[in-house]
C-alpha atoms as a PDB file:
ATOM      1  CA  MET A   1     -13.121  64.542  55.001  1.00  0.00           C
ATOM      2  CA  LYS A   2     -11.310  61.581  53.468  1.00  0.00           C
ATOM      3  CA  HIS A   3     -14.170  59.344  54.497  1.00  0.00           C
ATOM      4  CA  LYS A   4     -16.729  61.515  52.654  1.00  0.00           C
ATOM      5  CA  LYS A   5     -14.587  61.586  49.480  1.00  0.00           C
ATOM      6  CA  ARG A   6     -14.338  57.816  49.581  1.00  0.00           C
ATOM      7  CA  GLU A   7     -18.104  57.515  49.935  1.00  0.00           C
ATOM      8  CA  ARG A   8     -18.651  59.836  46.964  1.00  0.00           C
ATOM      9  CA  ARG A   9     -16.260  57.758  44.816  1.00  0.00           C
ATOM     10  CA  LEU A  10     -18.048  54.543  45.752  1.00  0.00           C
ATOM     11  CA  ALA A  11     -21.414  56.133  45.020  1.00  0.00           C
ATOM     12  CA  ALA A  12     -20.167  57.307  41.633  1.00  0.00           C
ATOM     13  CA  ARG A  13     -18.941  53.801  40.797  1.00  0.00           C
ATOM     14  CA  ARG A  14     -22.291  52.273  41.810  1.00  0.00           C
ATOM     15  CA  GLN A  15     -24.109  54.805  39.633  1.00  0.00           C
ATOM     16  CA  ALA A  16     -21.835  54.089  36.645  1.00  0.00           C
ATOM     17  CA  LYS A  17     -22.409  50.341  37.005  1.00  0.00           C
ATOM     18  CA  GLN A  18     -26.152  50.880  37.190  1.00  0.00           C
ATOM     19  CA  LEU A  19     -26.131  53.051  34.067  1.00  0.00           C
ATOM     20  CA  GLY A  20     -24.121  50.418  32.259  1.00  0.00           C
ATOM     21  CA  ALA A  21     -26.539  47.724  33.289  1.00  0.00           C
ATOM     22  CA  ASN A  22     -29.495  49.818  32.155  1.00  0.00           C
ATOM     23  CA  THR A  23     -27.849  50.506  28.819  1.00  0.00           C
ATOM     24  CA  THR A  24     -27.166  46.809  28.235  1.00  0.00           C
ATOM     25  CA  ALA A  25     -30.728  45.930  29.200  1.00  0.00           C
ATOM     26  CA  ASN A  26     -32.095  48.588  26.843  1.00  0.00           C
ATOM     27  CA  ARG A  27     -29.970  47.294  23.987  1.00  0.00           C
ATOM     28  CA  LYS A  28     -31.192  43.746  24.548  1.00  0.00           C
ATOM     29  CA  ALA A  29     -34.785  44.954  24.680  1.00  0.00           C
ATOM     30  CA  ASP A  30     -34.309  46.978  21.491  1.00  0.00           C
ATOM     31  CA  SER A  31     -32.771  44.027  19.704  1.00  0.00           C
ATOM     32  CA  LYS A  32     -35.788  41.909  20.611  1.00  0.00           C
ATOM     33  CA  GLN A  33     -38.265  44.555  19.508  1.00  0.00           C
ATOM     34  CA  LYS A  34     -36.537  45.597  16.289  1.00  0.00           C
ATOM     35  CA  PRO A  35     -36.291  42.894  13.618  1.00  0.00           C
ATOM     36  CA  LYS A  36     -32.813  42.395  12.234  1.00  0.00           C
ATOM     37  CA  LEU A  37     -32.359  43.800   8.775  1.00  0.00           C
ATOM     38  CA  LYS A  38     -31.291  41.181   6.260  1.00  0.00           C
ATOM     39  CA  LEU A  39     -29.138  42.276   3.397  1.00  0.00           C
ATOM     40  CA  LYS A  40     -30.568  41.182   0.109  1.00  0.00           C
ATOM     41  CA  HIS A  41     -28.911  41.081  -3.261  1.00  0.00           C
ATOM     42  CA  LYS A  42     -30.644  43.114  -5.906  1.00  0.00           C
ATOM     43  CA  GLN A  43     -33.339  40.966  -7.444  1.00  0.00           C
ATOM     44  CA  ARG A  44     -32.892  40.903 -11.206  1.00  0.00           C
ATOM     45  CA  HIS A  45     -35.462  38.548 -12.651  1.00  0.00           C
ATOM     46  CA  SER A  46     -36.221  40.135 -16.001  1.00  0.00           C
ATOM     47  CA  PRO A  47     -34.188  38.813 -18.940  1.00  0.00           C
ATOM     48  CA  ALA A  48     -34.063  42.374 -20.255  1.00  0.00           C
ATOM     49  CA  GLU A  49     -31.989  43.310 -17.190  1.00  0.00           C
ATOM     50  CA  LEU A  50     -29.620  40.386 -17.711  1.00  0.00           C
ATOM     51  CA  PHE A  51     -28.910  40.402 -21.445  1.00  0.00           C
ATOM     52  CA  THR A  52     -29.164  42.911 -24.277  1.00  0.00           C
ATOM     53  CA  ASP A  53     -28.549  42.621 -28.006  1.00  0.00           C
ATOM     54  CA  ALA A  54     -25.618  45.019 -27.631  1.00  0.00           C
ATOM     55  CA  GLN A  55     -23.701  42.533 -25.477  1.00  0.00           C
ATOM     56  CA  HIS A  56     -21.251  39.841 -26.489  1.00  0.00           C
ATOM     57  CA  ILE A  57     -22.620  36.752 -24.702  1.00  0.00           C
ATOM     58  CA  LEU A  58     -20.959  33.361 -24.225  1.00  0.00           C
ATOM     59  CA  LEU A  59     -23.234  30.475 -23.224  1.00  0.00           C
ATOM     60  CA  VAL A  60     -21.302  27.507 -21.867  1.00  0.00           C
ATOM     61  CA  GLY A  61     -22.362  23.897 -21.333  1.00  0.00           C
ATOM     62  CA  GLU A  62     -25.510  24.119 -23.432  1.00  0.00           C
ATOM     63  CA  GLY A  63     -26.978  20.611 -23.406  1.00  0.00           C
ATOM     64  CA  ASN A  64     -29.812  20.783 -25.936  1.00  0.00           C
ATOM     65  CA  PHE A  65     -29.152  24.502 -26.635  1.00  0.00           C
ATOM     66  CA  SER A  66     -32.663  25.403 -25.494  1.00  0.00           C
ATOM     67  CA  PHE A  67     -31.466  28.141 -23.125  1.00  0.00           C
ATOM     68  CA  ALA A  68     -29.666  29.764 -26.042  1.00  0.00           C
ATOM     69  CA  ARG A  69     -32.950  29.621 -27.942  1.00  0.00           C
ATOM     70  CA  ALA A  70     -34.740  31.271 -25.000  1.00  0.00           C
ATOM     71  CA  VAL A  71     -32.179  34.095 -24.861  1.00  0.00           C
ATOM     72  CA  VAL A  72     -32.613  34.724 -28.581  1.00  0.00           C
ATOM     73  CA  ARG A  73     -36.381  34.810 -28.269  1.00  0.00           C
ATOM     74  CA  ASN A  74     -36.152  37.301 -25.416  1.00  0.00           C
ATOM     75  CA  LEU A  75     -33.941  39.435 -27.634  1.00  0.00           C
ATOM     76  CA  THR A  76     -36.656  39.345 -30.314  1.00  0.00           C
ATOM     77  CA  GLY A  77     -34.686  37.055 -32.565  1.00  0.00           C
ATOM     78  CA  GLN A  78     -31.393  38.945 -32.439  1.00  0.00           C
ATOM     79  CA  GLY A  79     -28.546  36.502 -31.897  1.00  0.00           C
ATOM     80  CA  ALA A  80     -25.555  38.009 -33.665  1.00  0.00           C
ATOM     81  CA  GLY A  81     -23.786  38.756 -30.374  1.00  0.00           C
ATOM     82  CA  ILE A  82     -24.265  35.271 -28.912  1.00  0.00           C
ATOM     83  CA  VAL A  83     -21.798  32.383 -28.948  1.00  0.00           C
ATOM     84  CA  ALA A  84     -23.618  29.225 -27.783  1.00  0.00           C
ATOM     85  CA  THR A  85     -21.373  26.277 -26.929  1.00  0.00           C
ATOM     86  CA  GLY A  86     -21.740  22.690 -25.800  1.00  0.00           C
ATOM     87  CA  TYR A  87     -19.316  20.024 -24.619  1.00  0.00           C
ATOM     88  CA  ASP A  88     -20.661  17.211 -26.803  1.00  0.00           C
ATOM     89  CA  SER A  89     -19.678  16.466 -30.385  1.00  0.00           C
ATOM     90  CA  PRO A  90     -22.380  16.960 -33.046  1.00  0.00           C
ATOM     91  CA  ASP A  91     -23.030  13.203 -33.252  1.00  0.00           C
ATOM     92  CA  VAL A  92     -23.370  12.767 -29.484  1.00  0.00           C
ATOM     93  CA  LEU A  93     -25.518  15.889 -29.298  1.00  0.00           C
ATOM     94  CA  GLU A  94     -27.994  14.420 -31.767  1.00  0.00           C
ATOM     95  CA  GLN A  95     -28.057  11.066 -29.976  1.00  0.00           C
ATOM     96  CA  LYS A  96     -28.765  12.676 -26.615  1.00  0.00           C
ATOM     97  CA  TYR A  97     -31.275  15.366 -27.461  1.00  0.00           C
ATOM     98  CA  GLU A  98     -33.070  14.466 -30.694  1.00  0.00           C
ATOM     99  CA  GLU A  99     -36.465  14.344 -28.966  1.00  0.00           C
ATOM    100  CA  GLY A 100     -39.629  13.797 -30.920  1.00  0.00           C
ATOM    101  CA  ASP A 101     -41.408  17.094 -30.224  1.00  0.00           C
ATOM    102  CA  ASN A 102     -38.349  19.175 -29.363  1.00  0.00           C
ATOM    103  CA  PRO A 103     -35.407  17.943 -31.466  1.00  0.00           C
ATOM    104  CA  VAL A 104     -32.041  19.613 -31.012  1.00  0.00           C
ATOM    105  CA  SER A 105     -31.694  19.859 -34.798  1.00  0.00           C
ATOM    106  CA  SER A 106     -34.710  22.192 -34.876  1.00  0.00           C
ATOM    107  CA  ILE A 107     -33.289  24.279 -32.025  1.00  0.00           C
ATOM    108  CA  LEU A 108     -29.954  24.653 -33.798  1.00  0.00           C
ATOM    109  CA  GLN A 109     -31.673  25.726 -37.011  1.00  0.00           C
ATOM    110  CA  GLU A 110     -33.486  28.486 -35.127  1.00  0.00           C
ATOM    111  CA  LEU A 111     -30.229  29.652 -33.543  1.00  0.00           C
ATOM    112  CA  LEU A 112     -28.318  29.734 -36.801  1.00  0.00           C
ATOM    113  CA  ALA A 113     -31.144  31.608 -38.510  1.00  0.00           C
ATOM    114  CA  ALA A 114     -30.934  34.253 -35.769  1.00  0.00           C
ATOM    115  CA  GLY A 115     -27.205  34.722 -36.340  1.00  0.00           C
ATOM    116  CA  VAL A 116     -25.980  32.810 -33.282  1.00  0.00           C
ATOM    117  CA  THR A 117     -22.504  31.278 -33.453  1.00  0.00           C
ATOM    118  CA  VAL A 118     -22.922  27.625 -32.419  1.00  0.00           C
ATOM    119  CA  LYS A 119     -19.921  25.548 -31.411  1.00  0.00           C
ATOM    120  CA  CYS A 120     -19.604  21.967 -30.183  1.00  0.00           C
ATOM    121  CA  ASN A 121     -16.651  20.274 -28.441  1.00  0.00           C
ATOM    122  CA  ILE A 122     -16.095  23.307 -26.191  1.00  0.00           C
ATOM    123  CA  ASP A 123     -14.546  22.586 -22.805  1.00  0.00           C
ATOM    124  CA  ALA A 124     -15.842  24.922 -20.082  1.00  0.00           C
ATOM    125  CA  THR A 125     -12.563  24.524 -18.188  1.00  0.00           C
ATOM    126  CA  SER A 126     -10.467  25.572 -21.192  1.00  0.00           C
ATOM    127  CA  LEU A 127     -12.573  28.148 -22.999  1.00  0.00           C
ATOM    128  CA  LYS A 128      -9.891  30.200 -24.706  1.00  0.00           C
ATOM    129  CA  LYS A 129      -8.113  27.176 -26.145  1.00  0.00           C
ATOM    130  CA  SER A 130     -11.353  25.440 -27.168  1.00  0.00           C
ATOM    131  CA  LEU A 131     -12.877  28.501 -28.794  1.00  0.00           C
ATOM    132  CA  MET A 132      -9.749  29.280 -30.779  1.00  0.00           C
ATOM    133  CA  ALA A 133      -9.226  25.699 -31.995  1.00  0.00           C
ATOM    134  CA  ASN A 134      -9.396  25.089 -35.744  1.00  0.00           C
ATOM    135  CA  LYS A 135      -9.390  28.739 -36.784  1.00  0.00           C
ATOM    136  CA  LYS A 136      -9.589  27.798 -40.447  1.00  0.00           C
ATOM    137  CA  SER A 137     -12.858  25.950 -39.836  1.00  0.00           C
ATOM    138  CA  GLY A 138     -14.573  28.477 -37.634  1.00  0.00           C
ATOM    139  CA  GLY A 139     -12.402  28.965 -34.569  1.00  0.00           C
ATOM    140  CA  LEU A 140     -12.730  32.371 -32.924  1.00  0.00           C
ATOM    141  CA  LYS A 141      -9.974  34.958 -33.088  1.00  0.00           C
ATOM    142  CA  VAL A 142      -8.383  36.539 -30.027  1.00  0.00           C
ATOM    143  CA  ALA A 143     -10.294  39.751 -30.755  1.00  0.00           C
ATOM    144  CA  ASP A 144     -13.555  37.818 -30.405  1.00  0.00           C
ATOM    145  CA  LEU A 145     -12.707  36.509 -26.951  1.00  0.00           C
ATOM    146  CA  ALA A 146     -13.954  39.442 -24.900  1.00  0.00           C
ATOM    147  CA  PHE A 147     -17.405  38.725 -23.508  1.00  0.00           C
ATOM    148  CA  ASP A 148     -19.789  40.885 -21.515  1.00  0.00           C
ATOM    149  CA  ARG A 149     -21.501  37.794 -20.121  1.00  0.00           C
ATOM    150  CA  VAL A 150     -20.322  34.216 -19.587  1.00  0.00           C
ATOM    151  CA  VAL A 151     -23.196  31.931 -18.588  1.00  0.00           C
ATOM    152  CA  PHE A 152     -23.113  28.349 -17.283  1.00  0.00           C
ATOM    153  CA  ASN A 153     -26.475  26.889 -16.263  1.00  0.00           C
ATOM    154  CA  PHE A 154     -26.605  23.808 -14.043  1.00  0.00           C
ATOM    155  CA  PRO A 155     -22.996  22.666 -14.376  1.00  0.00           C
ATOM    156  CA  HIS A 156     -22.334  19.091 -13.288  1.00  0.00           C
ATOM    157  CA  ILE A 157     -19.388  16.764 -13.657  1.00  0.00           C
ATOM    158  CA  GLY A 158     -21.752  14.029 -14.847  1.00  0.00           C
ATOM    159  CA  LEU A 159     -19.918  10.968 -13.523  1.00  0.00           C
ATOM    160  CA  GLY A 160     -22.682   9.334 -11.512  1.00  0.00           C
ATOM    161  CA  ILE A 161     -20.566   9.390  -8.339  1.00  0.00           C
ATOM    162  CA  LYS A 162     -22.578   8.057  -5.393  1.00  0.00           C
ATOM    163  CA  ASP A 163     -20.123   9.120  -2.674  1.00  0.00           C
ATOM    164  CA  GLN A 164     -21.373  12.607  -1.766  1.00  0.00           C
ATOM    165  CA  ASP A 165     -18.012  13.929  -0.547  1.00  0.00           C
ATOM    166  CA  VAL A 166     -16.230  12.829  -3.721  1.00  0.00           C
ATOM    167  CA  ASN A 167     -19.091  14.160  -5.834  1.00  0.00           C
ATOM    168  CA  VAL A 168     -18.879  17.555  -4.127  1.00  0.00           C
ATOM    169  CA  ARG A 169     -15.107  17.786  -4.596  1.00  0.00           C
ATOM    170  CA  LYS A 170     -15.318  16.851  -8.272  1.00  0.00           C
ATOM    171  CA  ASN A 171     -17.977  19.465  -8.969  1.00  0.00           C
ATOM    172  CA  GLN A 172     -16.067  22.088  -7.012  1.00  0.00           C
ATOM    173  CA  ALA A 173     -13.040  21.321  -9.193  1.00  0.00           C
ATOM    174  CA  LEU A 174     -15.194  21.772 -12.295  1.00  0.00           C
ATOM    175  CA  LEU A 175     -16.463  25.134 -11.035  1.00  0.00           C
ATOM    176  CA  ALA A 176     -12.975  26.287 -10.050  1.00  0.00           C
ATOM    177  CA  SER A 177     -11.551  25.535 -13.484  1.00  0.00           C
ATOM    178  CA  PHE A 178     -14.552  27.160 -15.143  1.00  0.00           C
ATOM    179  CA  PHE A 179     -14.108  30.378 -13.180  1.00  0.00           C
ATOM    180  CA  GLN A 180     -10.403  30.486 -13.987  1.00  0.00           C
ATOM    181  CA  SER A 181     -11.093  29.796 -17.650  1.00  0.00           C
ATOM    182  CA  SER A 182     -13.893  32.381 -17.834  1.00  0.00           C
ATOM    183  CA  CYS A 183     -11.607  35.094 -16.530  1.00  0.00           C
ATOM    184  CA  GLU A 184      -9.458  34.652 -19.634  1.00  0.00           C
ATOM    185  CA  VAL A 185     -12.342  35.652 -21.915  1.00  0.00           C
ATOM    186  CA  LEU A 186     -14.271  38.109 -19.736  1.00  0.00           C
ATOM    187  CA  ARG A 187     -14.208  41.867 -20.169  1.00  0.00           C
ATOM    188  CA  PRO A 188     -13.121  43.857 -17.104  1.00  0.00           C
ATOM    189  CA  ASP A 189     -16.695  45.067 -16.594  1.00  0.00           C
ATOM    190  CA  GLY A 190     -18.302  41.749 -17.546  1.00  0.00           C
ATOM    191  CA  GLU A 191     -20.247  39.222 -15.495  1.00  0.00           C
ATOM    192  CA  ILE A 192     -20.205  35.467 -14.984  1.00  0.00           C
ATOM    193  CA  HIS A 193     -23.583  33.844 -14.348  1.00  0.00           C
ATOM    194  CA  VAL A 194     -23.830  30.398 -12.770  1.00  0.00           C
ATOM    195  CA  THR A 195     -27.185  28.763 -12.038  1.00  0.00           C
ATOM    196  CA  LEU A 196     -27.443  25.836  -9.616  1.00  0.00           C
ATOM    197  CA  LYS A 197     -30.147  23.845  -7.946  1.00  0.00           C
ATOM    198  CA  GLN A 198     -30.669  24.601  -4.258  1.00  0.00           C
ATOM    199  CA  GLY A 199     -30.470  22.071  -1.467  1.00  0.00           C
ATOM    200  CA  LYS A 200     -28.063  19.175  -0.976  1.00  0.00           C
ATOM    201  CA  PRO A 201     -25.649  18.368  -2.447  1.00  0.00           C
ATOM    202  CA  TYR A 202     -25.537  21.609  -4.458  1.00  0.00           C
ATOM    203  CA  ASP A 203     -25.351  23.918  -1.441  1.00  0.00           C
ATOM    204  CA  LEU A 204     -22.261  21.983  -0.338  1.00  0.00           C
ATOM    205  CA  TRP A 205     -20.462  23.057  -3.508  1.00  0.00           C
ATOM    206  CA  ASN A 206     -20.077  26.536  -1.975  1.00  0.00           C
ATOM    207  CA  VAL A 207     -20.016  28.220  -5.363  1.00  0.00           C
ATOM    208  CA  VAL A 208     -19.267  31.664  -3.898  1.00  0.00           C
ATOM    209  CA  GLY A 209     -16.273  30.401  -1.960  1.00  0.00           C
ATOM    210  CA  VAL A 210     -14.986  28.421  -4.931  1.00  0.00           C
ATOM    211  CA  ALA A 211     -15.153  31.490  -7.195  1.00  0.00           C
ATOM    212  CA  HIS A 212     -13.235  33.565  -4.654  1.00  0.00           C
ATOM    213  CA  GLN A 213     -10.548  30.962  -4.004  1.00  0.00           C
ATOM    214  CA  ALA A 214     -10.099  29.833  -7.606  1.00  0.00           C
ATOM    215  CA  THR A 215      -9.360  33.373  -8.781  1.00  0.00           C
ATOM    216  CA  GLY A 216      -7.295  34.505  -5.831  1.00  0.00           C
ATOM    217  CA  GLY A 217     -10.096  36.749  -4.600  1.00  0.00           C
ATOM    218  CA  LEU A 218     -10.451  38.577  -7.903  1.00  0.00           C
ATOM    219  CA  LEU A 219     -14.038  37.435  -8.464  1.00  0.00           C
ATOM    220  CA  ARG A 220     -16.747  38.781  -6.165  1.00  0.00           C
ATOM    221  CA  LEU A 221     -20.420  37.939  -5.823  1.00  0.00           C
ATOM    222  CA  LYS A 222     -22.337  40.837  -7.321  1.00  0.00           C
ATOM    223  CA  ALA A 223     -25.901  39.536  -7.003  1.00  0.00           C
ATOM    224  CA  SER A 224     -28.017  36.418  -6.742  1.00  0.00           C
ATOM    225  CA  PHE A 225     -31.662  35.692  -7.486  1.00  0.00           C
ATOM    226  CA  LYS A 226     -34.063  32.828  -8.016  1.00  0.00           C
ATOM    227  CA  PHE A 227     -33.982  31.250 -11.444  1.00  0.00           C
ATOM    228  CA  ASP A 228     -37.450  31.219 -12.988  1.00  0.00           C
ATOM    229  CA  PRO A 229     -37.768  29.030 -16.135  1.00  0.00           C
ATOM    230  CA  SER A 230     -41.000  30.811 -17.065  1.00  0.00           C
ATOM    231  CA  HIS A 231     -38.923  33.884 -17.956  1.00  0.00           C
ATOM    232  CA  TRP A 232     -37.201  31.872 -20.687  1.00  0.00           C
ATOM    233  CA  PRO A 233     -39.697  30.776 -23.369  1.00  0.00           C
ATOM    234  CA  GLY A 234     -38.519  27.658 -25.145  1.00  0.00           C
ATOM    235  CA  TYR A 235     -36.122  26.584 -22.401  1.00  0.00           C
ATOM    236  CA  ALA A 236     -36.290  22.867 -21.531  1.00  0.00           C
ATOM    237  CA  HIS A 237     -33.925  21.693 -18.802  1.00  0.00           C
ATOM    238  CA  ARG A 238     -32.139  18.436 -19.559  1.00  0.00           C
ATOM    239  CA  ARG A 239     -29.760  16.297 -17.539  1.00  0.00           C
ATOM    240  CA  THR A 240     -26.240  15.577 -18.713  1.00  0.00           C
ATOM    241  CA  LEU A 241     -27.193  12.136 -20.004  1.00  0.00           C
ATOM    242  CA  GLY A 242     -29.812  13.629 -22.279  1.00  0.00           C
ATOM    243  CA  TYR A 243     -33.519  12.938 -22.600  1.00  0.00           C
ATOM    244  CA  LYS A 244     -34.828   9.440 -21.904  1.00  0.00           C
ATOM    245  CA  GLU A 245     -38.496   8.651 -22.355  1.00  0.00           C
ATOM    246  CA  GLY A 246     -40.111   7.648 -19.070  1.00  0.00           C
ATOM    247  CA  MET A 247     -37.080   8.685 -17.002  1.00  0.00           C
ATOM    248  CA  SER A 248     -36.502  12.354 -17.729  1.00  0.00           C
ATOM    249  CA  ALA A 249     -38.886  15.176 -16.904  1.00  0.00           C
ATOM    250  CA  SER A 250     -40.400  16.665 -20.035  1.00  0.00           C
ATOM    251  CA  GLY A 251     -40.542  20.227 -18.750  1.00  0.00           C
ATOM    252  CA  ASN A 252     -38.629  22.191 -16.132  1.00  0.00           C
ATOM    253  CA  GLU A 253     -40.038  20.434 -13.063  1.00  0.00           C
ATOM    254  CA  GLU A 254     -36.564  19.602 -11.748  1.00  0.00           C
ATOM    255  CA  VAL A 255     -35.398  23.206 -11.580  1.00  0.00           C
ATOM    256  CA  ALA A 256     -38.530  25.333 -11.208  1.00  0.00           C
ATOM    257  CA  GLY A 257     -38.770  26.897  -7.763  1.00  0.00           C
ATOM    258  CA  ARG A 258     -35.553  25.355  -6.491  1.00  0.00           C
ATOM    259  CA  SER A 259     -32.731  26.992  -8.430  1.00  0.00           C
ATOM    260  CA  ARG A 260     -30.651  30.142  -8.024  1.00  0.00           C
ATOM    261  CA  THR A 261     -28.468  32.254 -10.308  1.00  0.00           C
ATOM    262  CA  TYR A 262     -25.223  33.695  -8.936  1.00  0.00           C
ATOM    263  CA  VAL A 263     -23.702  36.713 -10.668  1.00  0.00           C
ATOM    264  CA  PHE A 264     -19.957  37.247 -10.297  1.00  0.00           C
ATOM    265  CA  ALA A 265     -17.930  40.241 -11.401  1.00  0.00           C
ATOM    266  CA  PRO A 266     -14.212  41.042 -11.346  1.00  0.00           C
ATOM    267  CA  SER A 267     -12.860  43.035  -8.461  1.00  0.00           C
ATOM    268  CA  GLN A 268     -10.467  45.871  -9.239  1.00  0.00           C
ATOM    269  CA  PRO A 269      -7.494  44.199 -10.962  1.00  0.00           C
ATOM    270  CA  ALA A 270      -4.085  44.571  -9.350  1.00  0.00           C
ATOM    271  CA  PRO A 271      -1.353  46.347 -11.348  1.00  0.00           C
ATOM    272  CA  GLY A 272      -0.172  44.137 -14.167  1.00  0.00           C
ATOM    273  CA  GLN A 273      -3.241  41.901 -14.057  1.00  0.00           C
ATOM    274  CA  ALA A 274      -6.018  41.714 -16.617  1.00  0.00           C
ATOM    275  CA  GLY A 275      -9.629  41.088 -15.676  1.00  0.00           C
ATOM    276  CA  CYS A 276     -10.090  38.522 -12.916  1.00  0.00           C
ATOM    277  CA  SER A 277      -7.218  36.237 -13.878  1.00  0.00           C
ATOM    278  CA  PRO A 278      -4.384  36.176 -11.319  1.00  0.00           C
ATOM    279  CA  LYS A 279      -0.873  36.328 -12.718  1.00  0.00           C
ATOM    280  CA  GLN A 280       0.327  33.285 -10.804  1.00  0.00           C
ATOM    281  CA  ALA A 281      -0.249  29.882 -12.370  1.00  0.00           C
ATOM    282  CA  ARG A 282      -3.006  27.818 -10.825  1.00  0.00           C
ATOM    283  CA  PRO A 283      -3.459  24.062 -11.034  1.00  0.00           C
ATOM    284  CA  ARG A 284      -6.347  23.161 -13.317  1.00  0.00           C
ATOM    285  CA  ALA A 285      -8.867  20.561 -12.293  1.00  0.00           C
ATOM    286  CA  GLY A 286      -9.760  17.645 -14.512  1.00  0.00           C
ATOM    287  CA  LYS A 287     -11.923  18.349 -17.519  1.00  0.00           C
ATOM    288  CA  ARG A 288     -15.635  17.818 -17.357  1.00  0.00           C
ATOM    289  CA  GLN A 289     -16.507  14.218 -18.173  1.00  0.00           C
ATOM    290  CA  ARG A 290     -19.426  12.951 -20.196  1.00  0.00           C
ATOM    291  CA  ALA A 291     -22.364  11.613 -18.244  1.00  0.00           C
ATOM    292  CA  ALA A 292     -22.455   8.126 -16.760  1.00  0.00           C
ATOM    293  CA  SER A 293     -25.742   8.346 -14.879  1.00  0.00           C
ATOM    294  CA  ASP A 294     -29.112  10.025 -15.349  1.00  0.00           C
ATOM    295  CA  SER A 295     -29.049  10.816 -11.621  1.00  0.00           C
ATOM    296  CA  ASP A 296     -26.812  13.780 -12.373  1.00  0.00           C
ATOM    297  CA  SER A 297     -28.083  17.233 -13.232  1.00  0.00           C
ATOM    298  CA  GLY A 298     -27.714  18.546 -16.739  1.00  0.00           C
ATOM    299  CA  SER A 299     -25.666  21.466 -17.864  1.00  0.00           C
ATOM    300  CA  ASP A 300     -27.900  23.304 -20.278  1.00  0.00           C
END
């Protein structure tokens, strides 16, 4: 009797093992037959889905201000809600970008005529302080520092650093300080848009990780999509050094088909915190430097 019970138990164990083996084999077969589903961020290519004339928009690091012009044109000439800023002084701006057929002075005239607020000498790593400087001569008030969109296209430290590791760290520091600074002027339901080239060394910057770490996890990636210059009439990408005849591309060849926009949004703020800015103090990276080499990407 005991012998028969033992045989039944052994048979049951053998059957269970066989079923398990069959199940594993079936799963492997299914995984080979069924293609893995890849999660994709929502593709938002149309400018109309990115910006509206009802939004308060801050454009940061505008080199020749041509992206600001493109945004205005897509909004049918309505620019009252746009603050377009650049790092350079007015004199340096003119020296860099006063091109024969596309002078920055003409671009600025178009922006001002559309009602855009144009500001030079604005540091992307210290936005609140820069924007509020010289209130008597046009500095913004605290009430004006609440933006629905903060946009930084093709940021680059612009130092001509040949050592890739050092270059990556410097640009990561720029991005980190920008994200921290942006959180001080972003509405709780606002977005931060950063556009970068794809490929090395830009992929090594790890923009998503930098945004998360720099803000203590309070910024999250909401979406990403390919940047298409053709959607922005009048946009002309320029490197940080400016336009140099015979050296710089005249159109958008450097960024077309090889650039991506990352959209970040604040996570739910913790009690006592505003927007995506952590309460604890964070070390700020060095300020963005003016260009030293035309080998660096531009920031407009």
